[in-house]
Amino acid sequence: MIRMKFSKDELKDFVKAWLAVSVAFSIMYFGISFDNKFLINFLIIALIVGSAFVLHELAHKFMAIKYGYFAEFRSFDKMLLIGIALSFFGFIFLAPGAVFISGNITNDKNGKISLAGPLTNVILALIFLFIGGYIGAFGFKINSWLALFNMLPFFGLDGSKVYVWNKVVYFLVIGIAGLFVFM
């Protein structure tokens, strides 16, 4: 059985990133106000977007630990602030943080660890699709976009590492995520 441990710093960074992501999406979709409607929308966003982000990162951590590596999430605080600022202009660009892994990682293991995050979002998208309604549609949309964005083959994103590891898996997953986004 794999046992994940979290340091105080890691937990603090997860909470900080989760809150910042939720604030940014809430501002972009609903503007900012200090009433009950905003609070309810914020909680819905925190549940859907926050869980999409946190579960994505936890999947990376889980796989890294499964392979015997030390892995810990760190937030990118400046990018969180930039993401919140950009949300006031009606769009989102967030790089909330990443799971940093220590050890000599092969391309094979790095590809599998990197695939875990977007694959988690594809699975979550399917779950939300079956939930249906507003929350289901929103969860499907957010998870599909997160999977597609992270599968882009640019340096630092999961897709670049999956592409190096296995091009068939790369094209299969990015194809599914792309199909979901443009459904």
N, C-alpha and C. Protein backbone atom coordinates (compact mmCIF):
# COMPACT_ATOMS: atom_id res chain seq x y z
N MET A 1 0.84 -1.19 0.00
CA MET A 1 0.00 0.00 0.00
C MET A 1 0.88 1.25 0.00
N ILE A 2 0.52 2.21 -0.82
CA ILE A 2 1.29 3.44 -0.92
C ILE A 2 0.77 4.44 0.10
N ARG A 3 1.68 4.98 0.86
CA ARG A 3 1.30 5.94 1.90
C ARG A 3 1.88 7.30 1.55
N MET A 4 0.99 8.26 1.36
CA MET A 4 1.45 9.60 1.05
C MET A 4 1.53 10.42 2.33
N LYS A 5 2.64 11.09 2.50
CA LYS A 5 2.83 11.98 3.63
C LYS A 5 2.93 13.41 3.10
N PHE A 6 2.48 14.34 3.93
CA PHE A 6 2.49 15.74 3.54
C PHE A 6 3.17 16.57 4.62
N SER A 7 4.10 17.40 4.21
CA SER A 7 4.74 18.32 5.15
C SER A 7 3.79 19.50 5.40
N LYS A 8 4.08 20.25 6.46
CA LYS A 8 3.27 21.46 6.73
C LYS A 8 3.37 22.44 5.57
N ASP A 9 4.57 22.59 5.02
CA ASP A 9 4.75 23.51 3.89
C ASP A 9 3.94 23.07 2.68
N GLU A 10 3.93 21.78 2.42
CA GLU A 10 3.18 21.27 1.27
C GLU A 10 1.68 21.50 1.46
N LEU A 11 1.18 21.19 2.63
CA LEU A 11 -0.25 21.41 2.91
C LEU A 11 -0.60 22.89 2.77
N LYS A 12 0.27 23.75 3.30
CA LYS A 12 0.05 25.20 3.19
C LYS A 12 0.02 25.62 1.71
N ASP A 13 0.95 25.08 0.93
CA ASP A 13 0.99 25.44 -0.50
C ASP A 13 -0.23 24.91 -1.25
N PHE A 14 -0.70 23.70 -0.91
CA PHE A 14 -1.92 23.18 -1.54
C PHE A 14 -3.11 24.07 -1.23
N VAL A 15 -3.27 24.46 0.02
CA VAL A 15 -4.40 25.31 0.42
C VAL A 15 -4.31 26.67 -0.26
N LYS A 16 -3.12 27.25 -0.26
CA LYS A 16 -2.91 28.56 -0.89
C LYS A 16 -3.26 28.50 -2.38
N ALA A 17 -2.78 27.48 -3.06
CA ALA A 17 -3.05 27.35 -4.50
C ALA A 17 -4.53 27.08 -4.75
N TRP A 18 -5.13 26.20 -3.96
CA TRP A 18 -6.55 25.89 -4.11
C TRP A 18 -7.39 27.16 -3.94
N LEU A 19 -7.10 27.94 -2.91
CA LEU A 19 -7.86 29.18 -2.69
C LEU A 19 -7.65 30.17 -3.83
N ALA A 20 -6.41 30.34 -4.26
CA ALA A 20 -6.12 31.29 -5.34
C ALA A 20 -6.80 30.88 -6.64
N VAL A 21 -6.75 29.60 -6.98
CA VAL A 21 -7.42 29.11 -8.18
C VAL A 21 -8.92 29.36 -8.07
N SER A 22 -9.49 29.09 -6.92
CA SER A 22 -10.93 29.27 -6.71
C SER A 22 -11.32 30.74 -6.77
N VAL A 23 -10.51 31.61 -6.19
CA VAL A 23 -10.77 33.04 -6.25
C VAL A 23 -10.71 33.53 -7.69
N ALA A 24 -9.67 33.14 -8.42
CA ALA A 24 -9.51 33.60 -9.81
C ALA A 24 -10.70 33.18 -10.67
N PHE A 25 -11.09 31.93 -10.60
CA PHE A 25 -12.22 31.46 -11.40
C PHE A 25 -13.53 32.12 -10.96
N SER A 26 -13.70 32.34 -9.67
CA SER A 26 -14.92 33.00 -9.18
C SER A 26 -15.01 34.43 -9.70
N ILE A 27 -13.91 35.14 -9.67
CA ILE A 27 -13.89 36.53 -10.16
C ILE A 27 -14.17 36.54 -11.66
N MET A 28 -13.52 35.64 -12.41
CA MET A 28 -13.72 35.63 -13.85
C MET A 28 -15.17 35.34 -14.22
N TYR A 29 -15.78 34.36 -13.57
CA TYR A 29 -17.14 33.95 -13.92
C TYR A 29 -18.22 34.83 -13.30
N PHE A 30 -17.98 35.37 -12.10
CA PHE A 30 -19.06 36.04 -11.37
C PHE A 30 -18.74 37.46 -10.94
N GLY A 31 -17.53 37.96 -11.24
CA GLY A 31 -17.14 39.26 -10.71
C GLY A 31 -16.86 39.12 -9.22
N ILE A 32 -16.70 40.24 -8.56
CA ILE A 32 -16.43 40.16 -7.13
C ILE A 32 -17.51 40.92 -6.37
N SER A 33 -18.00 40.29 -5.36
CA SER A 33 -18.99 40.92 -4.48
C SER A 33 -18.88 40.24 -3.13
N PHE A 34 -19.55 40.81 -2.17
CA PHE A 34 -19.46 40.26 -0.82
C PHE A 34 -20.85 39.89 -0.33
N ASP A 35 -21.52 39.07 -1.14
CA ASP A 35 -22.87 38.64 -0.78
C ASP A 35 -22.94 37.12 -0.77
N ASN A 36 -24.09 36.61 -0.40
CA ASN A 36 -24.27 35.15 -0.31
C ASN A 36 -24.16 34.46 -1.66
N LYS A 37 -24.63 35.13 -2.72
CA LYS A 37 -24.57 34.52 -4.06
C LYS A 37 -23.11 34.28 -4.47
N PHE A 38 -22.25 35.25 -4.22
CA PHE A 38 -20.83 35.08 -4.55
C PHE A 38 -20.23 33.95 -3.72
N LEU A 39 -20.58 33.91 -2.44
CA LEU A 39 -20.05 32.86 -1.56
C LEU A 39 -20.47 31.47 -2.04
N ILE A 40 -21.72 31.32 -2.42
CA ILE A 40 -22.20 30.02 -2.93
C ILE A 40 -21.48 29.65 -4.21
N ASN A 41 -21.35 30.63 -5.13
CA ASN A 41 -20.63 30.37 -6.38
C ASN A 41 -19.16 30.05 -6.12
N PHE A 42 -18.56 30.75 -5.16
CA PHE A 42 -17.16 30.48 -4.79
C PHE A 42 -17.02 29.04 -4.29
N LEU A 43 -17.95 28.60 -3.46
CA LEU A 43 -17.87 27.24 -2.92
C LEU A 43 -18.03 26.18 -4.03
N ILE A 44 -18.91 26.46 -4.99
CA ILE A 44 -19.07 25.55 -6.13
C ILE A 44 -17.78 25.50 -6.95
N ILE A 45 -17.23 26.68 -7.21
CA ILE A 45 -15.97 26.76 -7.96
C ILE A 45 -14.86 26.03 -7.19
N ALA A 46 -14.79 26.27 -5.89
CA ALA A 46 -13.74 25.63 -5.07
C ALA A 46 -13.86 24.12 -5.13
N LEU A 47 -15.08 23.64 -5.12
CA LEU A 47 -15.30 22.20 -5.19
C LEU A 47 -14.90 21.64 -6.55
N ILE A 48 -15.35 22.27 -7.62
CA ILE A 48 -15.12 21.73 -8.96
C ILE A 48 -13.70 22.03 -9.46
N VAL A 49 -13.33 23.30 -9.50
CA VAL A 49 -12.02 23.68 -10.04
C VAL A 49 -10.91 23.28 -9.07
N GLY A 50 -11.15 23.55 -7.79
CA GLY A 50 -10.14 23.21 -6.79
C GLY A 50 -9.85 21.72 -6.76
N SER A 51 -10.91 20.91 -6.80
CA SER A 51 -10.68 19.46 -6.78
C SER A 51 -10.00 18.99 -8.05
N ALA A 52 -10.33 19.60 -9.19
CA ALA A 52 -9.68 19.22 -10.45
C ALA A 52 -8.18 19.46 -10.37
N PHE A 53 -7.80 20.61 -9.82
CA PHE A 53 -6.40 20.95 -9.70
C PHE A 53 -5.71 20.08 -8.65
N VAL A 54 -6.31 19.96 -7.47
CA VAL A 54 -5.67 19.21 -6.38
C VAL A 54 -5.54 17.73 -6.73
N LEU A 55 -6.59 17.13 -7.28
CA LEU A 55 -6.51 15.71 -7.63
C LEU A 55 -5.50 15.46 -8.74
N HIS A 56 -5.39 16.40 -9.67
CA HIS A 56 -4.37 16.33 -10.74
C HIS A 56 -2.98 16.24 -10.11
N GLU A 57 -2.69 17.14 -9.19
CA GLU A 57 -1.37 17.18 -8.56
C GLU A 57 -1.15 15.97 -7.64
N LEU A 58 -2.19 15.55 -6.93
CA LEU A 58 -2.06 14.37 -6.07
C LEU A 58 -1.78 13.11 -6.89
N ALA A 59 -2.32 13.05 -8.10
CA ALA A 59 -2.05 11.90 -8.97
C ALA A 59 -0.57 11.83 -9.33
N HIS A 60 0.03 13.00 -9.62
CA HIS A 60 1.48 13.03 -9.89
C HIS A 60 2.25 12.55 -8.66
N LYS A 61 1.89 13.07 -7.51
CA LYS A 61 2.59 12.71 -6.27
C LYS A 61 2.45 11.20 -6.00
N PHE A 62 1.26 10.68 -6.15
CA PHE A 62 1.00 9.27 -5.91
C PHE A 62 1.89 8.40 -6.79
N MET A 63 1.92 8.70 -8.09
CA MET A 63 2.72 7.89 -9.01
C MET A 63 4.21 7.99 -8.69
N ALA A 64 4.67 9.19 -8.36
CA ALA A 64 6.09 9.36 -8.03
C ALA A 64 6.46 8.53 -6.80
N ILE A 65 5.59 8.57 -5.79
CA ILE A 65 5.85 7.80 -4.57
C ILE A 65 5.78 6.30 -4.88
N LYS A 66 4.85 5.91 -5.75
CA LYS A 66 4.73 4.50 -6.15
C LYS A 66 6.05 4.00 -6.74
N TYR A 67 6.74 4.86 -7.47
CA TYR A 67 8.01 4.47 -8.07
C TYR A 67 9.20 4.67 -7.14
N GLY A 68 8.93 5.09 -5.90
CA GLY A 68 10.00 5.20 -4.91
C GLY A 68 10.67 6.56 -4.82
N TYR A 69 10.10 7.57 -5.43
CA TYR A 69 10.68 8.91 -5.39
C TYR A 69 10.07 9.74 -4.27
N PHE A 70 10.79 10.75 -3.84
CA PHE A 70 10.24 11.75 -2.94
C PHE A 70 9.55 12.78 -3.80
N ALA A 71 8.33 13.14 -3.45
CA ALA A 71 7.56 14.10 -4.25
C ALA A 71 6.81 15.04 -3.33
N GLU A 72 6.85 16.33 -3.65
CA GLU A 72 6.15 17.31 -2.82
C GLU A 72 5.68 18.48 -3.68
N PHE A 73 4.45 18.91 -3.42
CA PHE A 73 3.86 20.03 -4.16
C PHE A 73 4.39 21.35 -3.61
N ARG A 74 4.67 22.27 -4.53
CA ARG A 74 5.02 23.64 -4.18
C ARG A 74 4.20 24.59 -5.04
N SER A 75 3.64 25.60 -4.39
CA SER A 75 2.87 26.60 -5.14
C SER A 75 3.82 27.61 -5.77
N PHE A 76 3.37 28.19 -6.88
CA PHE A 76 4.10 29.27 -7.54
C PHE A 76 3.37 30.56 -7.17
N ASP A 77 3.78 31.18 -6.07
CA ASP A 77 3.03 32.28 -5.49
C ASP A 77 2.86 33.48 -6.43
N LYS A 78 3.90 33.84 -7.15
CA LYS A 78 3.79 34.97 -8.09
C LYS A 78 2.78 34.67 -9.20
N MET A 79 2.80 33.44 -9.68
CA MET A 79 1.84 33.07 -10.73
C MET A 79 0.41 33.03 -10.19
N LEU A 80 0.25 32.69 -8.92
CA LEU A 80 -1.09 32.73 -8.32
C LEU A 80 -1.61 34.16 -8.30
N LEU A 81 -0.76 35.10 -7.91
CA LEU A 81 -1.16 36.52 -7.88
C LEU A 81 -1.46 37.04 -9.29
N ILE A 82 -0.63 36.67 -10.25
CA ILE A 82 -0.86 37.08 -11.64
C ILE A 82 -2.18 36.48 -12.14
N GLY A 83 -2.42 35.22 -11.82
CA GLY A 83 -3.67 34.56 -12.22
C GLY A 83 -4.90 35.27 -11.67
N ILE A 84 -4.84 35.67 -10.40
CA ILE A 84 -5.97 36.40 -9.80
C ILE A 84 -6.12 37.75 -10.49
N ALA A 85 -5.02 38.46 -10.71
CA ALA A 85 -5.08 39.77 -11.37
C ALA A 85 -5.69 39.66 -12.77
N LEU A 86 -5.28 38.64 -13.54
CA LEU A 86 -5.80 38.47 -14.90
C LEU A 86 -7.29 38.14 -14.90
N SER A 87 -7.77 37.50 -13.84
CA SER A 87 -9.20 37.13 -13.78
C SER A 87 -10.09 38.37 -13.77
N PHE A 88 -9.59 39.49 -13.29
CA PHE A 88 -10.36 40.74 -13.31
C PHE A 88 -10.57 41.23 -14.74
N PHE A 89 -9.74 40.76 -15.68
CA PHE A 89 -9.86 41.15 -17.09
C PHE A 89 -10.60 40.10 -17.91
N GLY A 90 -11.17 39.09 -17.23
CA GLY A 90 -12.05 38.14 -17.90
C GLY A 90 -11.39 36.91 -18.49
N PHE A 91 -10.15 36.64 -18.11
CA PHE A 91 -9.55 35.39 -18.59
C PHE A 91 -8.65 34.80 -17.52
N ILE A 92 -8.37 33.52 -17.70
CA ILE A 92 -7.58 32.78 -16.72
C ILE A 92 -6.30 32.29 -17.36
N PHE A 93 -5.21 32.57 -16.70
CA PHE A 93 -3.94 31.91 -16.99
C PHE A 93 -3.31 31.64 -15.64
N LEU A 94 -3.30 30.39 -15.26
CA LEU A 94 -2.79 30.01 -13.95
C LEU A 94 -1.73 28.95 -14.07
N ALA A 95 -0.69 29.11 -13.30
CA ALA A 95 0.30 28.06 -13.08
C ALA A 95 0.42 27.96 -11.57
N PRO A 96 -0.54 27.25 -10.95
CA PRO A 96 -0.63 27.28 -9.50
C PRO A 96 0.54 26.63 -8.77
N GLY A 97 1.24 25.73 -9.42
CA GLY A 97 2.35 25.06 -8.79
C GLY A 97 2.61 23.72 -9.44
N ALA A 98 3.47 22.94 -8.82
CA ALA A 98 3.82 21.64 -9.38
C ALA A 98 4.33 20.72 -8.29
N VAL A 99 4.27 19.44 -8.59
CA VAL A 99 4.87 18.44 -7.71
C VAL A 99 6.32 18.30 -8.14
N PHE A 100 7.21 18.56 -7.21
CA PHE A 100 8.64 18.42 -7.48
C PHE A 100 9.07 17.04 -7.00
N ILE A 101 9.84 16.37 -7.85
CA ILE A 101 10.22 14.98 -7.60
C ILE A 101 11.74 14.90 -7.50
N SER A 102 12.21 14.22 -6.48
CA SER A 102 13.65 14.03 -6.28
C SER A 102 14.05 12.63 -6.69
N GLY A 103 15.12 12.55 -7.41
CA GLY A 103 15.65 11.24 -7.80
C GLY A 103 16.00 11.22 -9.28
N ASN A 104 16.67 10.18 -9.70
CA ASN A 104 17.06 9.99 -11.09
C ASN A 104 15.89 9.31 -11.82
N ILE A 105 15.11 10.08 -12.53
CA ILE A 105 13.87 9.58 -13.13
C ILE A 105 14.12 9.24 -14.60
N THR A 106 13.74 8.03 -14.97
CA THR A 106 13.85 7.61 -16.38
C THR A 106 12.72 8.26 -17.18
N ASN A 107 12.87 8.32 -18.50
CA ASN A 107 11.81 8.85 -19.36
C ASN A 107 10.52 8.05 -19.21
N ASP A 108 10.67 6.73 -19.04
CA ASP A 108 9.51 5.85 -18.87
C ASP A 108 8.71 6.24 -17.62
N LYS A 109 9.37 6.33 -16.50
CA LYS A 109 8.68 6.67 -15.26
C LYS A 109 8.20 8.11 -15.26
N ASN A 110 8.99 9.01 -15.81
CA ASN A 110 8.60 10.42 -15.88
C ASN A 110 7.34 10.58 -16.74
N GLY A 111 7.27 9.83 -17.83
CA GLY A 111 6.09 9.88 -18.68
C GLY A 111 4.84 9.39 -17.96
N LYS A 112 4.99 8.30 -17.24
CA LYS A 112 3.85 7.74 -16.50
C LYS A 112 3.42 8.65 -15.36
N ILE A 113 4.39 9.22 -14.65
CA ILE A 113 4.07 10.17 -13.57
C ILE A 113 3.36 11.39 -14.16
N SER A 114 3.84 11.88 -15.29
CA SER A 114 3.25 13.06 -15.93
C SER A 114 1.86 12.77 -16.47
N LEU A 115 1.65 11.56 -16.97
CA LEU A 115 0.34 11.18 -17.51
C LEU A 115 -0.74 11.13 -16.43
N ALA A 116 -0.34 10.81 -15.21
CA ALA A 116 -1.31 10.62 -14.12
C ALA A 116 -2.20 11.84 -13.90
N GLY A 117 -1.66 13.04 -14.00
CA GLY A 117 -2.46 14.25 -13.78
C GLY A 117 -3.55 14.45 -14.83
N PRO A 118 -3.17 14.56 -16.12
CA PRO A 118 -4.20 14.73 -17.15
C PRO A 118 -5.17 13.55 -17.22
N LEU A 119 -4.69 12.35 -17.00
CA LEU A 119 -5.59 11.19 -17.02
C LEU A 119 -6.62 11.29 -15.89
N THR A 120 -6.21 11.78 -14.75
CA THR A 120 -7.14 12.04 -13.64
C THR A 120 -8.22 13.02 -14.08
N ASN A 121 -7.83 14.07 -14.80
CA ASN A 121 -8.81 15.06 -15.26
C ASN A 121 -9.76 14.48 -16.30
N VAL A 122 -9.27 13.58 -17.16
CA VAL A 122 -10.15 12.92 -18.13
C VAL A 122 -11.19 12.06 -17.39
N ILE A 123 -10.74 11.33 -16.39
CA ILE A 123 -11.66 10.50 -15.60
C ILE A 123 -12.68 11.38 -14.86
N LEU A 124 -12.20 12.48 -14.26
CA LEU A 124 -13.12 13.40 -13.58
C LEU A 124 -14.12 14.01 -14.56
N ALA A 125 -13.66 14.33 -15.77
CA ALA A 125 -14.58 14.88 -16.79
C ALA A 125 -15.70 13.89 -17.06
N LEU A 126 -15.36 12.62 -17.20
CA LEU A 126 -16.38 11.60 -17.45
C LEU A 126 -17.35 11.48 -16.27
N ILE A 127 -16.83 11.54 -15.07
CA ILE A 127 -17.70 11.48 -13.88
C ILE A 127 -18.67 12.66 -13.89
N PHE A 128 -18.16 13.86 -14.16
CA PHE A 128 -19.02 15.04 -14.20
C PHE A 128 -20.03 14.97 -15.34
N LEU A 129 -19.63 14.37 -16.46
CA LEU A 129 -20.55 14.22 -17.59
C LEU A 129 -21.77 13.40 -17.16
N PHE A 130 -21.54 12.36 -16.38
CA PHE A 130 -22.64 11.52 -15.93
C PHE A 130 -23.46 12.18 -14.82
N ILE A 131 -22.86 13.11 -14.08
CA ILE A 131 -23.61 13.85 -13.06
C ILE A 131 -24.68 14.71 -13.72
N GLY A 132 -24.28 15.35 -14.82
CA GLY A 132 -25.23 16.18 -15.57
C GLY A 132 -25.56 17.49 -14.87
N GLY A 133 -26.47 18.23 -15.47
CA GLY A 133 -26.87 19.51 -14.92
C GLY A 133 -25.77 20.54 -15.02
N TYR A 134 -25.98 21.68 -14.36
CA TYR A 134 -25.01 22.78 -14.39
C TYR A 134 -23.66 22.36 -13.82
N ILE A 135 -23.69 21.73 -12.66
CA ILE A 135 -22.44 21.33 -12.01
C ILE A 135 -21.72 20.28 -12.84
N GLY A 136 -22.45 19.34 -13.39
CA GLY A 136 -21.84 18.32 -14.23
C GLY A 136 -21.21 18.91 -15.48
N ALA A 137 -21.94 19.82 -16.13
CA ALA A 137 -21.42 20.46 -17.35
C ALA A 137 -20.18 21.30 -17.05
N PHE A 138 -20.23 22.03 -15.94
CA PHE A 138 -19.09 22.88 -15.58
C PHE A 138 -17.88 22.02 -15.22
N GLY A 139 -18.09 20.96 -14.43
CA GLY A 139 -17.00 20.07 -14.06
C GLY A 139 -16.40 19.36 -15.26
N PHE A 140 -17.27 18.97 -16.20
CA PHE A 140 -16.80 18.34 -17.44
C PHE A 140 -15.91 19.31 -18.22
N LYS A 141 -16.38 20.54 -18.35
CA LYS A 141 -15.65 21.57 -19.11
C LYS A 141 -14.29 21.87 -18.48
N ILE A 142 -14.27 22.10 -17.18
CA ILE A 142 -13.03 22.46 -16.48
C ILE A 142 -12.01 21.33 -16.57
N ASN A 143 -12.44 20.11 -16.29
CA ASN A 143 -11.51 18.98 -16.31
C ASN A 143 -11.02 18.68 -17.72
N SER A 144 -11.88 18.85 -18.71
CA SER A 144 -11.46 18.62 -20.10
C SER A 144 -10.40 19.64 -20.51
N TRP A 145 -10.62 20.92 -20.18
CA TRP A 145 -9.64 21.96 -20.51
C TRP A 145 -8.33 21.74 -19.78
N LEU A 146 -8.42 21.36 -18.52
CA LEU A 146 -7.20 21.14 -17.74
C LEU A 146 -6.40 19.97 -18.32
N ALA A 147 -7.08 18.91 -18.71
CA ALA A 147 -6.39 17.77 -19.32
C ALA A 147 -5.73 18.18 -20.64
N LEU A 148 -6.49 18.89 -21.49
CA LEU A 148 -5.96 19.30 -22.79
C LEU A 148 -4.77 20.24 -22.62
N PHE A 149 -4.91 21.26 -21.79
CA PHE A 149 -3.83 22.23 -21.60
C PHE A 149 -2.56 21.53 -21.10
N ASN A 150 -2.71 20.66 -20.11
CA ASN A 150 -1.53 20.00 -19.55
C ASN A 150 -0.90 18.99 -20.50
N MET A 151 -1.66 18.53 -21.50
CA MET A 151 -1.10 17.59 -22.47
C MET A 151 -0.41 18.30 -23.64
N LEU A 152 -0.43 19.63 -23.66
CA LEU A 152 0.31 20.33 -24.72
C LEU A 152 1.79 19.97 -24.59
N PRO A 153 2.47 19.78 -25.71
CA PRO A 153 3.85 19.28 -25.66
C PRO A 153 4.90 20.38 -25.45
N PHE A 154 4.63 21.30 -24.56
CA PHE A 154 5.56 22.39 -24.29
C PHE A 154 6.37 22.08 -23.04
N PHE A 155 7.58 22.60 -23.01
CA PHE A 155 8.49 22.36 -21.89
C PHE A 155 7.80 22.69 -20.56
N GLY A 156 7.91 21.77 -19.64
CA GLY A 156 7.35 21.98 -18.31
C GLY A 156 5.96 21.42 -18.14
N LEU A 157 5.21 21.30 -19.23
CA LEU A 157 3.87 20.73 -19.13
C LEU A 157 3.96 19.21 -19.22
N ASP A 158 2.93 18.55 -18.70
CA ASP A 158 2.92 17.09 -18.68
C ASP A 158 3.06 16.48 -20.07
N GLY A 159 2.44 17.11 -21.05
CA GLY A 159 2.45 16.56 -22.40
C GLY A 159 3.83 16.38 -22.98
N SER A 160 4.75 17.28 -22.66
CA SER A 160 6.11 17.15 -23.21
C SER A 160 6.78 15.88 -22.71
N LYS A 161 6.52 15.51 -21.47
CA LYS A 161 7.14 14.31 -20.90
C LYS A 161 6.44 13.04 -21.38
N VAL A 162 5.12 13.12 -21.54
CA VAL A 162 4.37 11.96 -22.06
C VAL A 162 4.79 11.71 -23.51
N TYR A 163 4.94 12.78 -24.29
CA TYR A 163 5.33 12.66 -25.70
C TYR A 163 6.68 11.95 -25.85
N VAL A 164 7.64 12.33 -25.01
CA VAL A 164 8.96 11.70 -25.05
C VAL A 164 8.86 10.22 -24.68
N TRP A 165 8.02 9.91 -23.71
CA TRP A 165 7.87 8.53 -23.24
C TRP A 165 7.15 7.64 -24.24
N ASN A 166 5.95 8.08 -24.71
CA ASN A 166 5.13 7.20 -25.55
C ASN A 166 4.20 8.05 -26.42
N LYS A 167 4.55 8.16 -27.69
CA LYS A 167 3.78 9.01 -28.61
C LYS A 167 2.36 8.49 -28.83
N VAL A 168 2.16 7.19 -28.83
CA VAL A 168 0.81 6.63 -29.01
C VAL A 168 -0.09 7.04 -27.85
N VAL A 169 0.41 6.88 -26.63
CA VAL A 169 -0.36 7.29 -25.44
C VAL A 169 -0.59 8.79 -25.48
N TYR A 170 0.44 9.55 -25.85
CA TYR A 170 0.31 11.01 -25.92
C TYR A 170 -0.85 11.40 -26.85
N PHE A 171 -0.83 10.88 -28.09
CA PHE A 171 -1.87 11.26 -29.05
C PHE A 171 -3.25 10.75 -28.65
N LEU A 172 -3.31 9.61 -28.01
CA LEU A 172 -4.59 9.08 -27.54
C LEU A 172 -5.20 10.00 -26.47
N VAL A 173 -4.41 10.37 -25.48
CA VAL A 173 -4.92 11.18 -24.38
C VAL A 173 -5.22 12.61 -24.83
N ILE A 174 -4.34 13.21 -25.61
CA ILE A 174 -4.61 14.58 -26.07
C ILE A 174 -5.80 14.58 -27.04
N GLY A 175 -5.96 13.50 -27.79
CA GLY A 175 -7.13 13.38 -28.68
C GLY A 175 -8.43 13.30 -27.90
N ILE A 176 -8.44 12.50 -26.84
CA ILE A 176 -9.63 12.38 -26.00
C ILE A 176 -9.94 13.71 -25.33
N ALA A 177 -8.91 14.34 -24.76
CA ALA A 177 -9.11 15.63 -24.09
C ALA A 177 -9.61 16.68 -25.10
N GLY A 178 -9.02 16.70 -26.29
CA GLY A 178 -9.46 17.64 -27.33
C GLY A 178 -10.90 17.38 -27.75
N LEU A 179 -11.25 16.13 -27.90
CA LEU A 179 -12.64 15.77 -28.25
C LEU A 179 -13.58 16.27 -27.16
N PHE A 180 -13.23 16.05 -25.90
CA PHE A 180 -14.07 16.49 -24.79
C PHE A 180 -14.23 18.01 -24.80
N VAL A 181 -13.15 18.73 -25.03
CA VAL A 181 -13.21 20.20 -25.02
C VAL A 181 -14.12 20.73 -26.12
N PHE A 182 -14.05 20.10 -27.28
CA PHE A 182 -14.81 20.64 -28.42
C PHE A 182 -16.12 19.91 -28.67
N MET A 183 -16.60 19.10 -27.68
CA MET A 183 -17.91 18.45 -27.79
C MET A 183 -19.02 19.48 -27.71
